[in-house]
ModelCIF file with pLDDT and N, C-alpha, C, O atoms, coordinates in Angstrom:
data_MODEL
#
_entry.id   MODEL 
#
_entity.id                         1 
_entity.type                       polymer 
_entity.pdbx_number_of_molecules   1 
#
_entity_poly.entity_id                      1 
_entity_poly.type                           'polypeptide(L)' 
_entity_poly.nstd_linkage                   no 
_entity_poly.nstd_monomer                   no 
_entity_poly.pdbx_seq_one_letter_code       SEANSYDEIKSSYEQVLENADLTIRPSFWGGFVINPTFFEFWKGHE 
_entity_poly.pdbx_seq_one_letter_code_can   SEANSYDEIKSSYEQVLENADLTIRPSFWGGFVINPTFFEFWKGHE 
_entity_poly.pdbx_strand_id                 A 
#
loop_
_entity_poly_seq.entity_id 
_entity_poly_seq.num 
_entity_poly_seq.mon_id 
_entity_poly_seq.hetero 
1 1  SER n 
1 2  GLU n 
1 3  ALA n 
1 4  ASN n 
1 5  SER n 
1 6  TYR n 
1 7  ASP n 
1 8  GLU n 
1 9  ILE n 
1 10 LYS n 
1 11 SER n 
1 12 SER n 
1 13 TYR n 
1 14 GLU n 
1 15 GLN n 
1 16 VAL n 
1 17 LEU n 
1 18 GLU n 
1 19 ASN n 
1 20 ALA n 
1 21 ASP n 
1 22 LEU n 
1 23 THR n 
1 24 ILE n 
1 25 ARG n 
1 26 PRO n 
1 27 SER n 
1 28 PHE n 
1 29 TRP n 
1 30 GLY n 
1 31 GLY n 
1 32 PHE n 
1 33 VAL n 
1 34 ILE n 
1 35 ASN n 
1 36 PRO n 
1 37 THR n 
1 38 PHE n 
1 39 PHE n 
1 40 GLU n 
1 41 PHE n 
1 42 TRP n 
1 43 LYS n 
1 44 GLY n 
1 45 HIS n 
1 46 GLU n 
#
_struct_asym.id          A 
_struct_asym.entity_id   1 
#
loop_
_ma_qa_metric.id 
_ma_qa_metric.mode 
_ma_qa_metric.name 
_ma_qa_metric.software_group_id 
_ma_qa_metric.type 
1 global pLDDT . pLDDT 
2 local  pLDDT . pLDDT 
#
_ma_qa_metric_global.metric_id      1 
_ma_qa_metric_global.metric_value   95.87 
_ma_qa_metric_global.model_id       1 
_ma_qa_metric_global.ordinal_id     1 
#
loop_
_ma_qa_metric_local.label_asym_id 
_ma_qa_metric_local.label_comp_id 
_ma_qa_metric_local.label_seq_id 
_ma_qa_metric_local.metric_id 
_ma_qa_metric_local.metric_value 
_ma_qa_metric_local.model_id 
_ma_qa_metric_local.ordinal_id 
A SER 1  2 91.00 1 1  
A GLU 2  2 93.00 1 2  
A ALA 3  2 94.00 1 3  
A ASN 4  2 94.00 1 4  
A SER 5  2 97.00 1 5  
A TYR 6  2 97.00 1 6  
A ASP 7  2 96.00 1 7  
A GLU 8  2 95.00 1 8  
A ILE 9  2 97.00 1 9  
A LYS 10 2 96.00 1 10 
A SER 11 2 96.00 1 11 
A SER 12 2 96.00 1 12 
A TYR 13 2 96.00 1 13 
A GLU 14 2 96.00 1 14 
A GLN 15 2 96.00 1 15 
A VAL 16 2 96.00 1 16 
A LEU 17 2 96.00 1 17 
A GLU 18 2 96.00 1 18 
A ASN 19 2 95.00 1 19 
A ALA 20 2 94.00 1 20 
A ASP 21 2 94.00 1 21 
A LEU 22 2 96.00 1 22 
A THR 23 2 95.00 1 23 
A ILE 24 2 95.00 1 24 
A ARG 25 2 97.00 1 25 
A PRO 26 2 96.00 1 26 
A SER 27 2 96.00 1 27 
A PHE 28 2 96.00 1 28 
A TRP 29 2 97.00 1 29 
A GLY 30 2 97.00 1 30 
A GLY 31 2 98.00 1 31 
A PHE 32 2 98.00 1 32 
A VAL 33 2 98.00 1 33 
A ILE 34 2 98.00 1 34 
A ASN 35 2 97.00 1 35 
A PRO 36 2 97.00 1 36 
A THR 37 2 97.00 1 37 
A PHE 38 2 98.00 1 38 
A PHE 39 2 98.00 1 39 
A GLU 40 2 98.00 1 40 
A PHE 41 2 98.00 1 41 
A TRP 42 2 98.00 1 42 
A LYS 43 2 97.00 1 43 
A GLY 44 2 96.00 1 44 
A HIS 45 2 93.00 1 45 
A GLU 46 2 85.00 1 46 
#
loop_
_atom_site.group_PDB 
_atom_site.id 
_atom_site.type_symbol 
_atom_site.label_atom_id 
_atom_site.label_alt_id 
_atom_site.label_comp_id 
_atom_site.label_asym_id 
_atom_site.label_entity_id 
_atom_site.label_seq_id 
_atom_site.pdbx_PDB_ins_code 
_atom_site.Cartn_x 
_atom_site.Cartn_y 
_atom_site.Cartn_z 
_atom_site.occupancy 
_atom_site.B_iso_or_equiv 
_atom_site.pdbx_formal_charge 
_atom_site.auth_seq_id 
_atom_site.auth_comp_id 
_atom_site.auth_asym_id 
_atom_site.auth_atom_id 
_atom_site.pdbx_PDB_model_num 
ATOM 1   N N  . SER A 1 1  ? 30.891 176.685 -14.134 1.00 91.00 ? 1  SER A N  1 
ATOM 2   C CA . SER A 1 1  ? 31.770 175.512 -14.165 1.00 91.00 ? 1  SER A CA 1 
ATOM 3   C C  . SER A 1 1  ? 31.251 174.509 -15.186 1.00 91.00 ? 1  SER A C  1 
ATOM 4   O O  . SER A 1 1  ? 30.055 174.463 -15.472 1.00 91.00 ? 1  SER A O  1 
ATOM 5   N N  . GLU A 1 2  ? 32.156 173.708 -15.732 1.00 93.00 ? 2  GLU A N  1 
ATOM 6   C CA . GLU A 1 2  ? 31.764 172.717 -16.730 1.00 93.00 ? 2  GLU A CA 1 
ATOM 7   C C  . GLU A 1 2  ? 30.933 171.611 -16.092 1.00 93.00 ? 2  GLU A C  1 
ATOM 8   O O  . GLU A 1 2  ? 31.228 171.167 -14.983 1.00 93.00 ? 2  GLU A O  1 
ATOM 9   N N  . ALA A 1 3  ? 29.901 171.171 -16.790 1.00 94.00 ? 3  ALA A N  1 
ATOM 10  C CA . ALA A 1 3  ? 29.037 170.080 -16.338 1.00 94.00 ? 3  ALA A CA 1 
ATOM 11  C C  . ALA A 1 3  ? 29.088 168.944 -17.341 1.00 94.00 ? 3  ALA A C  1 
ATOM 12  O O  . ALA A 1 3  ? 29.362 169.170 -18.519 1.00 94.00 ? 3  ALA A O  1 
ATOM 13  N N  . ASN A 1 4  ? 28.828 167.726 -16.889 1.00 94.00 ? 4  ASN A N  1 
ATOM 14  C CA . ASN A 1 4  ? 28.831 166.566 -17.786 1.00 94.00 ? 4  ASN A CA 1 
ATOM 15  C C  . ASN A 1 4  ? 27.631 166.576 -18.720 1.00 94.00 ? 4  ASN A C  1 
ATOM 16  O O  . ASN A 1 4  ? 27.722 166.140 -19.867 1.00 94.00 ? 4  ASN A O  1 
ATOM 17  N N  . SER A 1 5  ? 26.505 167.076 -18.221 1.00 97.00 ? 5  SER A N  1 
ATOM 18  C CA . SER A 1 5  ? 25.297 167.118 -19.039 1.00 97.00 ? 5  SER A CA 1 
ATOM 19  C C  . SER A 1 5  ? 24.277 168.045 -18.398 1.00 97.00 ? 5  SER A C  1 
ATOM 20  O O  . SER A 1 5  ? 24.386 168.402 -17.225 1.00 97.00 ? 5  SER A O  1 
ATOM 21  N N  . TYR A 1 6  ? 23.281 168.427 -19.194 1.00 97.00 ? 6  TYR A N  1 
ATOM 22  C CA . TYR A 1 6  ? 22.199 169.249 -18.651 1.00 97.00 ? 6  TYR A CA 1 
ATOM 23  C C  . TYR A 1 6  ? 21.358 168.438 -17.665 1.00 97.00 ? 6  TYR A C  1 
ATOM 24  O O  . TYR A 1 6  ? 20.832 168.980 -16.693 1.00 97.00 ? 6  TYR A O  1 
ATOM 25  N N  . ASP A 1 7  ? 21.237 167.128 -17.928 1.00 96.00 ? 7  ASP A N  1 
ATOM 26  C CA . ASP A 1 7  ? 20.496 166.259 -17.008 1.00 96.00 ? 7  ASP A CA 1 
ATOM 27  C C  . ASP A 1 7  ? 21.136 166.258 -15.628 1.00 96.00 ? 7  ASP A C  1 
ATOM 28  O O  . ASP A 1 7  ? 20.431 166.241 -14.618 1.00 96.00 ? 7  ASP A O  1 
ATOM 29  N N  . GLU A 1 8  ? 22.451 166.277 -15.574 1.00 95.00 ? 8  GLU A N  1 
ATOM 30  C CA . GLU A 1 8  ? 23.155 166.330 -14.292 1.00 95.00 ? 8  GLU A CA 1 
ATOM 31  C C  . GLU A 1 8  ? 22.813 167.626 -13.543 1.00 95.00 ? 8  GLU A C  1 
ATOM 32  O O  . GLU A 1 8  ? 22.602 167.614 -12.331 1.00 95.00 ? 8  GLU A O  1 
ATOM 33  N N  . ILE A 1 9  ? 22.762 168.733 -14.278 1.00 97.00 ? 9  ILE A N  1 
ATOM 34  C CA . ILE A 1 9  ? 22.416 170.029 -13.684 1.00 97.00 ? 9  ILE A CA 1 
ATOM 35  C C  . ILE A 1 9  ? 21.002 169.974 -13.103 1.00 97.00 ? 9  ILE A C  1 
ATOM 36  O O  . ILE A 1 9  ? 20.774 170.399 -11.971 1.00 97.00 ? 9  ILE A O  1 
ATOM 37  N N  . LYS A 1 10 ? 20.054 169.447 -13.884 1.00 96.00 ? 10 LYS A N  1 
ATOM 38  C CA . LYS A 1 10 ? 18.667 169.352 -13.428 1.00 96.00 ? 10 LYS A CA 1 
ATOM 39  C C  . LYS A 1 10 ? 18.538 168.442 -12.218 1.00 96.00 ? 10 LYS A C  1 
ATOM 40  O O  . LYS A 1 10 ? 17.800 168.754 -11.283 1.00 96.00 ? 10 LYS A O  1 
ATOM 41  N N  . SER A 1 11 ? 19.243 167.329 -12.225 1.00 96.00 ? 11 SER A N  1 
ATOM 42  C CA . SER A 1 11 ? 19.175 166.384 -11.109 1.00 96.00 ? 11 SER A CA 1 
ATOM 43  C C  . SER A 1 11 ? 19.701 167.014 -9.820  1.00 96.00 ? 11 SER A C  1 
ATOM 44  O O  . SER A 1 11 ? 19.094 166.864 -8.759  1.00 96.00 ? 11 SER A O  1 
ATOM 45  N N  . SER A 1 12 ? 20.814 167.708 -9.912  1.00 96.00 ? 12 SER A N  1 
ATOM 46  C CA . SER A 1 12 ? 21.390 168.374 -8.743  1.00 96.00 ? 12 SER A CA 1 
ATOM 47  C C  . SER A 1 12 ? 20.426 169.431 -8.208  1.00 96.00 ? 12 SER A C  1 
ATOM 48  O O  . SER A 1 12 ? 20.233 169.550 -6.999  1.00 96.00 ? 12 SER A O  1 
ATOM 49  N N  . TYR A 1 13 ? 19.833 170.184 -9.104  1.00 96.00 ? 13 TYR A N  1 
ATOM 50  C CA . TYR A 1 13 ? 18.865 171.220 -8.711  1.00 96.00 ? 13 TYR A CA 1 
ATOM 51  C C  . TYR A 1 13 ? 17.676 170.606 -7.977  1.00 96.00 ? 13 TYR A C  1 
ATOM 52  O O  . TYR A 1 13 ? 17.273 171.096 -6.922  1.00 96.00 ? 13 TYR A O  1 
ATOM 53  N N  . GLU A 1 14 ? 17.117 169.534 -8.533  1.00 96.00 ? 14 GLU A N  1 
ATOM 54  C CA . GLU A 1 14 ? 15.939 168.901 -7.943  1.00 96.00 ? 14 GLU A CA 1 
ATOM 55  C C  . GLU A 1 14 ? 16.244 168.325 -6.560  1.00 96.00 ? 14 GLU A C  1 
ATOM 56  O O  . GLU A 1 14 ? 15.412 168.398 -5.656  1.00 96.00 ? 14 GLU A O  1 
ATOM 57  N N  . GLN A 1 15 ? 17.446 167.750 -6.396  1.00 96.00 ? 15 GLN A N  1 
ATOM 58  C CA . GLN A 1 15 ? 17.840 167.212 -5.091  1.00 96.00 ? 15 GLN A CA 1 
ATOM 59  C C  . GLN A 1 15 ? 17.934 168.319 -4.045  1.00 96.00 ? 15 GLN A C  1 
ATOM 60  O O  . GLN A 1 15 ? 17.479 168.154 -2.913  1.00 96.00 ? 15 GLN A O  1 
ATOM 61  N N  . VAL A 1 16 ? 18.533 169.455 -4.435  1.00 96.00 ? 16 VAL A N  1 
ATOM 62  C CA . VAL A 1 16 ? 18.647 170.582 -3.506  1.00 96.00 ? 16 VAL A CA 1 
ATOM 63  C C  . VAL A 1 16 ? 17.268 171.128 -3.176  1.00 96.00 ? 16 VAL A C  1 
ATOM 64  O O  . VAL A 1 16 ? 16.980 171.419 -2.015  1.00 96.00 ? 16 VAL A O  1 
ATOM 65  N N  . LEU A 1 17 ? 16.422 171.268 -4.172  1.00 96.00 ? 17 LEU A N  1 
ATOM 66  C CA . LEU A 1 17 ? 15.075 171.806 -3.956  1.00 96.00 ? 17 LEU A CA 1 
ATOM 67  C C  . LEU A 1 17 ? 14.277 170.943 -2.972  1.00 96.00 ? 17 LEU A C  1 
ATOM 68  O O  . LEU A 1 17 ? 13.521 171.466 -2.154  1.00 96.00 ? 17 LEU A O  1 
ATOM 69  N N  . GLU A 1 18 ? 14.451 169.617 -3.058  1.00 96.00 ? 18 GLU A N  1 
ATOM 70  C CA . GLU A 1 18 ? 13.687 168.703 -2.208  1.00 96.00 ? 18 GLU A CA 1 
ATOM 71  C C  . GLU A 1 18 ? 14.288 168.530 -0.814  1.00 96.00 ? 18 GLU A C  1 
ATOM 72  O O  . GLU A 1 18 ? 13.556 168.315 0.151   1.00 96.00 ? 18 GLU A O  1 
ATOM 73  N N  . ASN A 1 19 ? 15.611 168.621 -0.702  1.00 95.00 ? 19 ASN A N  1 
ATOM 74  C CA . ASN A 1 19 ? 16.260 168.199 0.544   1.00 95.00 ? 19 ASN A CA 1 
ATOM 75  C C  . ASN A 1 19 ? 16.995 169.277 1.336   1.00 95.00 ? 19 ASN A C  1 
ATOM 76  O O  . ASN A 1 19 ? 17.242 169.099 2.528   1.00 95.00 ? 19 ASN A O  1 
ATOM 77  N N  . ALA A 1 20 ? 17.340 170.369 0.709   1.00 94.00 ? 20 ALA A N  1 
ATOM 78  C CA . ALA A 1 20 ? 18.188 171.362 1.392   1.00 94.00 ? 20 ALA A CA 1 
ATOM 79  C C  . ALA A 1 20 ? 17.365 172.361 2.195   1.00 94.00 ? 20 ALA A C  1 
ATOM 80  O O  . ALA A 1 20 ? 16.201 172.619 1.890   1.00 94.00 ? 20 ALA A O  1 
ATOM 81  N N  . ASP A 1 21 ? 17.994 172.915 3.227   1.00 94.00 ? 21 ASP A N  1 
ATOM 82  C CA . ASP A 1 21 ? 17.405 174.023 3.981   1.00 94.00 ? 21 ASP A CA 1 
ATOM 83  C C  . ASP A 1 21 ? 17.696 175.301 3.201   1.00 94.00 ? 21 ASP A C  1 
ATOM 84  O O  . ASP A 1 21 ? 18.835 175.767 3.160   1.00 94.00 ? 21 ASP A O  1 
ATOM 85  N N  . LEU A 1 22 ? 16.672 175.857 2.592   1.00 96.00 ? 22 LEU A N  1 
ATOM 86  C CA . LEU A 1 22 ? 16.848 177.003 1.708   1.00 96.00 ? 22 LEU A CA 1 
ATOM 87  C C  . LEU A 1 22 ? 16.525 178.326 2.393   1.00 96.00 ? 22 LEU A C  1 
ATOM 88  O O  . LEU A 1 22 ? 16.393 179.359 1.737   1.00 96.00 ? 22 LEU A O  1 
ATOM 89  N N  . THR A 1 23 ? 16.400 178.286 3.714   1.00 95.00 ? 23 THR A N  1 
ATOM 90  C CA . THR A 1 23 ? 16.100 179.513 4.449   1.00 95.00 ? 23 THR A CA 1 
ATOM 91  C C  . THR A 1 23 ? 17.350 180.319 4.781   1.00 95.00 ? 23 THR A C  1 
ATOM 92  O O  . THR A 1 23 ? 17.267 181.512 5.070   1.00 95.00 ? 23 THR A O  1 
ATOM 93  N N  . ILE A 1 24 ? 18.509 179.663 4.739   1.00 95.00 ? 24 ILE A N  1 
ATOM 94  C CA . ILE A 1 24 ? 19.764 180.329 5.105   1.00 95.00 ? 24 ILE A CA 1 
ATOM 95  C C  . ILE A 1 24 ? 20.598 180.576 3.853   1.00 95.00 ? 24 ILE A C  1 
ATOM 96  O O  . ILE A 1 24 ? 20.867 179.653 3.084   1.00 95.00 ? 24 ILE A O  1 
ATOM 97  N N  . ARG A 1 25 ? 21.004 181.821 3.656   1.00 97.00 ? 25 ARG A N  1 
ATOM 98  C CA . ARG A 1 25 ? 21.817 182.185 2.494   1.00 97.00 ? 25 ARG A CA 1 
ATOM 99  C C  . ARG A 1 25 ? 23.197 181.542 2.597   1.00 97.00 ? 25 ARG A C  1 
ATOM 100 O O  . ARG A 1 25 ? 23.853 181.648 3.633   1.00 97.00 ? 25 ARG A O  1 
ATOM 101 N N  . PRO A 1 26 ? 23.648 180.872 1.520   1.00 96.00 ? 26 PRO A N  1 
ATOM 102 C CA . PRO A 1 26 ? 24.997 180.302 1.551   1.00 96.00 ? 26 PRO A CA 1 
ATOM 103 C C  . PRO A 1 26 ? 26.056 181.405 1.489   1.00 96.00 ? 26 PRO A C  1 
ATOM 104 O O  . PRO A 1 26 ? 25.818 182.473 0.926   1.00 96.00 ? 26 PRO A O  1 
ATOM 105 N N  . SER A 1 27 ? 27.209 181.139 2.066   1.00 96.00 ? 27 SER A N  1 
ATOM 106 C CA . SER A 1 27 ? 28.261 182.158 2.158   1.00 96.00 ? 27 SER A CA 1 
ATOM 107 C C  . SER A 1 27 ? 28.840 182.534 0.802   1.00 96.00 ? 27 SER A C  1 
ATOM 108 O O  . SER A 1 27 ? 29.453 183.592 0.658   1.00 96.00 ? 27 SER A O  1 
ATOM 109 N N  . PHE A 1 28 ? 28.647 181.663 -0.203  1.00 96.00 ? 28 PHE A N  1 
ATOM 110 C CA . PHE A 1 28 ? 29.222 181.926 -1.527  1.00 96.00 ? 28 PHE A CA 1 
ATOM 111 C C  . PHE A 1 28 ? 28.285 182.706 -2.447  1.00 96.00 ? 28 PHE A C  1 
ATOM 112 O O  . PHE A 1 28 ? 28.562 182.851 -3.638  1.00 96.00 ? 28 PHE A O  1 
ATOM 113 N N  . TRP A 1 29 ? 27.186 183.204 -1.905  1.00 97.00 ? 29 TRP A N  1 
ATOM 114 C CA . TRP A 1 29 ? 26.202 183.920 -2.732  1.00 97.00 ? 29 TRP A CA 1 
ATOM 115 C C  . TRP A 1 29 ? 25.764 185.186 -2.013  1.00 97.00 ? 29 TRP A C  1 
ATOM 116 O O  . TRP A 1 29 ? 25.550 185.180 -0.800  1.00 97.00 ? 29 TRP A O  1 
ATOM 117 N N  . GLY A 1 30 ? 25.634 186.272 -2.768  1.00 97.00 ? 30 GLY A N  1 
ATOM 118 C CA . GLY A 1 30 ? 25.175 187.513 -2.159  1.00 97.00 ? 30 GLY A CA 1 
ATOM 119 C C  . GLY A 1 30 ? 25.201 188.661 -3.145  1.00 97.00 ? 30 GLY A C  1 
ATOM 120 O O  . GLY A 1 30 ? 25.262 188.467 -4.359  1.00 97.00 ? 30 GLY A O  1 
ATOM 121 N N  . GLY A 1 31 ? 25.152 189.864 -2.591  1.00 98.00 ? 31 GLY A N  1 
ATOM 122 C CA . GLY A 1 31 ? 24.993 191.045 -3.419  1.00 98.00 ? 31 GLY A CA 1 
ATOM 123 C C  . GLY A 1 31 ? 26.282 191.752 -3.765  1.00 98.00 ? 31 GLY A C  1 
ATOM 124 O O  . GLY A 1 31 ? 27.302 191.625 -3.086  1.00 98.00 ? 31 GLY A O  1 
ATOM 125 N N  . PHE A 1 32 ? 26.194 192.501 -4.848  1.00 98.00 ? 32 PHE A N  1 
ATOM 126 C CA . PHE A 1 32 ? 27.253 193.410 -5.284  1.00 98.00 ? 32 PHE A CA 1 
ATOM 127 C C  . PHE A 1 32 ? 26.648 194.797 -5.444  1.00 98.00 ? 32 PHE A C  1 
ATOM 128 O O  . PHE A 1 32 ? 25.479 194.942 -5.801  1.00 98.00 ? 32 PHE A O  1 
ATOM 129 N N  . VAL A 1 33 ? 27.455 195.807 -5.178  1.00 98.00 ? 33 VAL A N  1 
ATOM 130 C CA . VAL A 1 33 ? 27.024 197.198 -5.287  1.00 98.00 ? 33 VAL A CA 1 
ATOM 131 C C  . VAL A 1 33 ? 27.925 197.923 -6.284  1.00 98.00 ? 33 VAL A C  1 
ATOM 132 O O  . VAL A 1 33 ? 29.150 197.848 -6.193  1.00 98.00 ? 33 VAL A O  1 
ATOM 133 N N  . ILE A 1 34 ? 27.316 198.617 -7.224  1.00 98.00 ? 34 ILE A N  1 
ATOM 134 C CA . ILE A 1 34 ? 28.061 199.503 -8.118  1.00 98.00 ? 34 ILE A CA 1 
ATOM 135 C C  . ILE A 1 34 ? 27.771 200.933 -7.685  1.00 98.00 ? 34 ILE A C  1 
ATOM 136 O O  . ILE A 1 34 ? 26.613 201.347 -7.613  1.00 98.00 ? 34 ILE A O  1 
ATOM 137 N N  . ASN A 1 35 ? 28.824 201.679 -7.398  1.00 97.00 ? 35 ASN A N  1 
ATOM 138 C CA . ASN A 1 35 ? 28.705 203.111 -7.077  1.00 97.00 ? 35 ASN A CA 1 
ATOM 139 C C  . ASN A 1 35 ? 29.198 203.906 -8.280  1.00 97.00 ? 35 ASN A C  1 
ATOM 140 O O  . ASN A 1 35 ? 30.399 203.934 -8.550  1.00 97.00 ? 35 ASN A O  1 
ATOM 141 N N  . PRO A 1 36 ? 28.288 204.550 -9.007  1.00 97.00 ? 36 PRO A N  1 
ATOM 142 C CA . PRO A 1 36 ? 28.684 205.232 -10.245 1.00 97.00 ? 36 PRO A CA 1 
ATOM 143 C C  . PRO A 1 36 ? 29.529 206.488 -10.016 1.00 97.00 ? 36 PRO A C  1 
ATOM 144 O O  . PRO A 1 36 ? 29.353 207.219 -9.042  1.00 97.00 ? 36 PRO A O  1 
ATOM 145 N N  . THR A 1 37 ? 30.442 206.701 -10.947 1.00 97.00 ? 37 THR A N  1 
ATOM 146 C CA . THR A 1 37 ? 31.218 207.945 -11.019 1.00 97.00 ? 37 THR A CA 1 
ATOM 147 C C  . THR A 1 37 ? 31.036 208.610 -12.377 1.00 97.00 ? 37 THR A C  1 
ATOM 148 O O  . THR A 1 37 ? 31.597 209.674 -12.638 1.00 97.00 ? 37 THR A O  1 
ATOM 149 N N  . PHE A 1 38 ? 30.244 207.973 -13.243 1.00 98.00 ? 38 PHE A N  1 
ATOM 150 C CA . PHE A 1 38 ? 30.029 208.463 -14.614 1.00 98.00 ? 38 PHE A CA 1 
ATOM 151 C C  . PHE A 1 38 ? 28.677 207.960 -15.099 1.00 98.00 ? 38 PHE A C  1 
ATOM 152 O O  . PHE A 1 38 ? 28.321 206.801 -14.883 1.00 98.00 ? 38 PHE A O  1 
ATOM 153 N N  . PHE A 1 39 ? 27.924 208.842 -15.759 1.00 98.00 ? 39 PHE A N  1 
ATOM 154 C CA . PHE A 1 39 ? 26.686 208.468 -16.440 1.00 98.00 ? 39 PHE A CA 1 
ATOM 155 C C  . PHE A 1 39 ? 26.704 209.067 -17.841 1.00 98.00 ? 39 PHE A C  1 
ATOM 156 O O  . PHE A 1 39 ? 27.195 210.176 -18.051 1.00 98.00 ? 39 PHE A O  1 
ATOM 157 N N  . GLU A 1 40 ? 26.160 208.317 -18.794 1.00 98.00 ? 40 GLU A N  1 
ATOM 158 C CA . GLU A 1 40 ? 25.799 208.909 -20.084 1.00 98.00 ? 40 GLU A CA 1 
ATOM 159 C C  . GLU A 1 40 ? 24.354 208.543 -20.379 1.00 98.00 ? 40 GLU A C  1 
ATOM 160 O O  . GLU A 1 40 ? 23.976 207.372 -20.346 1.00 98.00 ? 40 GLU A O  1 
ATOM 161 N N  . PHE A 1 41 ? 23.548 209.564 -20.670 1.00 98.00 ? 41 PHE A N  1 
ATOM 162 C CA . PHE A 1 41 ? 22.157 209.376 -21.058 1.00 98.00 ? 41 PHE A CA 1 
ATOM 163 C C  . PHE A 1 41 ? 22.047 209.666 -22.554 1.00 98.00 ? 41 PHE A C  1 
ATOM 164 O O  . PHE A 1 41 ? 22.350 210.768 -23.012 1.00 98.00 ? 41 PHE A O  1 
ATOM 165 N N  . TRP A 1 42 ? 21.613 208.666 -23.298 1.00 98.00 ? 42 TRP A N  1 
ATOM 166 C CA . TRP A 1 42 ? 21.573 208.728 -24.762 1.00 98.00 ? 42 TRP A CA 1 
ATOM 167 C C  . TRP A 1 42 ? 20.127 208.574 -25.221 1.00 98.00 ? 42 TRP A C  1 
ATOM 168 O O  . TRP A 1 42 ? 19.431 207.634 -24.837 1.00 98.00 ? 42 TRP A O  1 
ATOM 169 N N  . LYS A 1 43 ? 19.693 209.521 -26.055 1.00 97.00 ? 43 LYS A N  1 
ATOM 170 C CA . LYS A 1 43 ? 18.363 209.456 -26.647 1.00 97.00 ? 43 LYS A CA 1 
ATOM 171 C C  . LYS A 1 43 ? 18.516 209.395 -28.153 1.00 97.00 ? 43 LYS A C  1 
ATOM 172 O O  . LYS A 1 43 ? 19.081 210.303 -28.763 1.00 97.00 ? 43 LYS A O  1 
ATOM 173 N N  . GLY A 1 44 ? 18.010 208.317 -28.760 1.00 96.00 ? 44 GLY A N  1 
ATOM 174 C CA . GLY A 1 44 ? 18.151 208.146 -30.198 1.00 96.00 ? 44 GLY A CA 1 
ATOM 175 C C  . GLY A 1 44 ? 17.256 209.079 -30.992 1.00 96.00 ? 44 GLY A C  1 
ATOM 176 O O  . GLY A 1 44 ? 16.178 209.469 -30.543 1.00 96.00 ? 44 GLY A O  1 
ATOM 177 N N  . HIS A 1 45 ? 17.724 209.425 -32.175 1.00 93.00 ? 45 HIS A N  1 
ATOM 178 C CA . HIS A 1 45 ? 17.004 210.305 -33.098 1.00 93.00 ? 45 HIS A CA 1 
ATOM 179 C C  . HIS A 1 45 ? 16.971 209.622 -34.450 1.00 93.00 ? 45 HIS A C  1 
ATOM 180 O O  . HIS A 1 45 ? 17.917 208.931 -34.826 1.00 93.00 ? 45 HIS A O  1 
ATOM 181 N N  . GLU A 1 46 ? 15.879 209.815 -35.186 1.00 85.00 ? 46 GLU A N  1 
ATOM 182 C CA . GLU A 1 46 ? 15.730 209.091 -36.453 1.00 85.00 ? 46 GLU A CA 1 
ATOM 183 C C  . GLU A 1 46 ? 16.805 209.424 -37.473 1.00 85.00 ? 46 GLU A C  1 
ATOM 184 O O  . GLU A 1 46 ? 16.794 208.884 -38.579 1.00 85.00 ? 46 GLU A O  1 
#
């Protein structure tokens, strides 16, 4: 998302680091899984 400045980003980060409960995963963040159906293995030659 667009930010007003990098300083704003740093300030928000520092506030969360100091004040938030970081033991619980937020619902908007998590893992993705890729299940392959195709592989290509390429080895370069001079």
